[in-house]
Every structure is written in C-alpha cells, then in structure tokens.
Amino acid sequence: MTLWNGSFPFYPGTSACFPFDTTWAVIVSAFLSLLATFIIILPGIRGRGRLFWFLRVVMGLFVGAVVLTVQFTRDWETGWVTANTSYKSFSRALVNADIGLHIGLTGVNVTLVGNPVNQVNETINYNEHFAWSFDADYDHSYGESLEKGLPRPILYVAEKFTTQSPCSMHRQYRISGHYASLTLWMAFCTWLISILLFSMPILLYGGCMLLLTAALMLFSLLFFTARNNPKCPIQFGPASLKTDYGGSFWLTLATGLLCLLLGLGVIILNSMQPEKLKLVFNLDEGKGEEVWDKSYLPAEPSSSAQDVLMVPLGELCEVTGTQL
C-alpha cells in the first residue's frame, strides 16, 4: 500500500453486522409463514387429533427449516479473543479490540469490534466475509481486501485461509464444507419425501425416510469435522484466537438426533402397536386398507354342474301321445 496525501489508504466503509444475513432470514420467515397458515386452519381439525396434528406440523417445519438454514449460516465454528493489536499496516498505533472468527460451510467471517468502538479517531466495527464456494475465489477476495486497506487484524486472520498459506486450512475447510453441504441437501430431499409419505399415509416408509434424514445430518457433521492437519495458531501477542463448534453445529446435531428418535418411534410403533400409531396420525383403524363389502360383490351362481336335480324315474309323468 502507498501513502495518499500523507495518510495511509484505508477502506472507509464497513460491512453488515454479523450474524444478520438476509438468506437465512428469508428462509425462517417463509417457514414461519407456513406455520402461521397451519395455525389458522387448526380450529378446523376436530377431536383429540388436533394436538397430534399440530405437533406433527411443528416438528416437520422445524426439521425442514433447520436443514435448509444451516446451509447458509456462518457459525459452524466460532472463536473470540480480546487483544491489543496494531490497527493499520505500517503504523505503531495500538487498539484494544475483540477479534472474532466465524467459519461456515461456504466461507469465513472475520469480525473486529473496538473496546471502545471509537478509537484513533475512527469507528472500529468491521465484519468481512470471505467465500470459498464453487462460484467464489477466496484468493481474489483476499486480494481485493488488501487493495481496500482493511484493518490489519482482519487481513492477518484471513491470510491463514488462503491457498498460499502453509497452514493448509483453506483446503481442509473448503473440502469438508462442500461435502457437508452436499449431504445436507440430500437430507433436505429425504425430509420432503418423508413428509409426502406421512401425508399419503405410508407410515412405515415415512419413518424409514426420517431415519435416512437423521443419518445424512449426522454424516454431514462427520464430514465437517474430518480434518487431518492441526489448526494453525492465530496469535495476537500473548493472546491466541481459538475456535470451537458453534450454534449451527450443535443445532444440526440436536435435529439429527430428534429425527433419529422420531423415525425409530414410528417404526417401532408400526410393528408393535399400530393402533396407537394410527391414533397419532389421526387415522381410522381401517383407513388406508381396501375393505370389500359383500353387497358390491357379484352374486354367486346358484347352481353348477354338480347340483343338477335328480328326479326318480317313478315320479316322471307319463306322456301319452294322440294317434293321428
């Protein structure tokens, strides 16, 4: 970077404050709208099946919202550290700030918040996103950040995830994030199929698809945590920035275990106590099965070749003929 009118070049704008993101906000709003619609029609459900119907709707929408939302969240791994660090390159000015690292499936967010926010005649409140999805170039985004003149702590943390970094963190997180994202998309498809099967109703196969949804969600966690090399240390003087599993990771784990329990419950009840399972799904005992009424069956023939009347010869009437 070069000097400009006796001052260091610096990017004046700040990005949107983390963790607000319009993508998952739209997803959550859509599912909440569906829930509100089902609540409106809830009084039309008669009898004690109203509660079971409402619980099924809530559980189904919750699982679908989680599987779809965690694709776009950026807190699968999070970490914070408070440190005294230099604010600009080629400057000795130190600031006290909270530095946060938020790792998602498609990139990382680096947050810098001053303590207090106003220091060195500037407002220190930054959040920058660096994507590594298929349609994004992480190194290009990092190069643009260098040209903008972002604060030095943000550039230092973002540099750890570049392809040229000896830490190899970019390759590990990028590959694991891609496989986890693909597995979650498959889980979303199996969730849709399970909802369709439960509404038909084909309860046994719906429970099996729910089990498959749980397995895919748990496998996505295994893909995200499957990394060979140890993490590269991120030091700010004596302080070290360390990350741990964030809210999206634990939410995916809890939802996967919930789907596992629900799927096992449906399969066990279907084999041991199908009457109670039909009660939960508001089904009559004979619903879904073909019941034949004898009144609609064709009448059986009243006689056959073996039921021919046998009349004794003695009882036969004599036939007399008239002579012409």
Foldseek 3Di string as FASTA:
>chain_A
DDDDPNHDFAQADADDAPDDDVVLVVLVVVLVVVLVVCVVCLVVDDDPLSVLVNVVSVLLSVLLSLLVNLLPGFAQKKWKDWAWFAWFPPDPDTFTWIWMWTHGLFWIKIWIAGPPQQDPNGGRTHIDTATDDPPHARVVVLVVCVVNRGTPLVNLVSVCQHPPHPQCNVVLSNQLSVQLSVLSVVLSVLSVVLVVCVVVPPQLVSLVSLLSSLVSLVVSLVSNPDDDGDGDWDDRDPDTIDMDGGDSSVVSNVSSVVSNVVSVVSNVCVVPPVVVVCSSSVHDPCPPHDDDDPVPDDDDDPDDPVRDDDDDPVPDDDDDDDDD
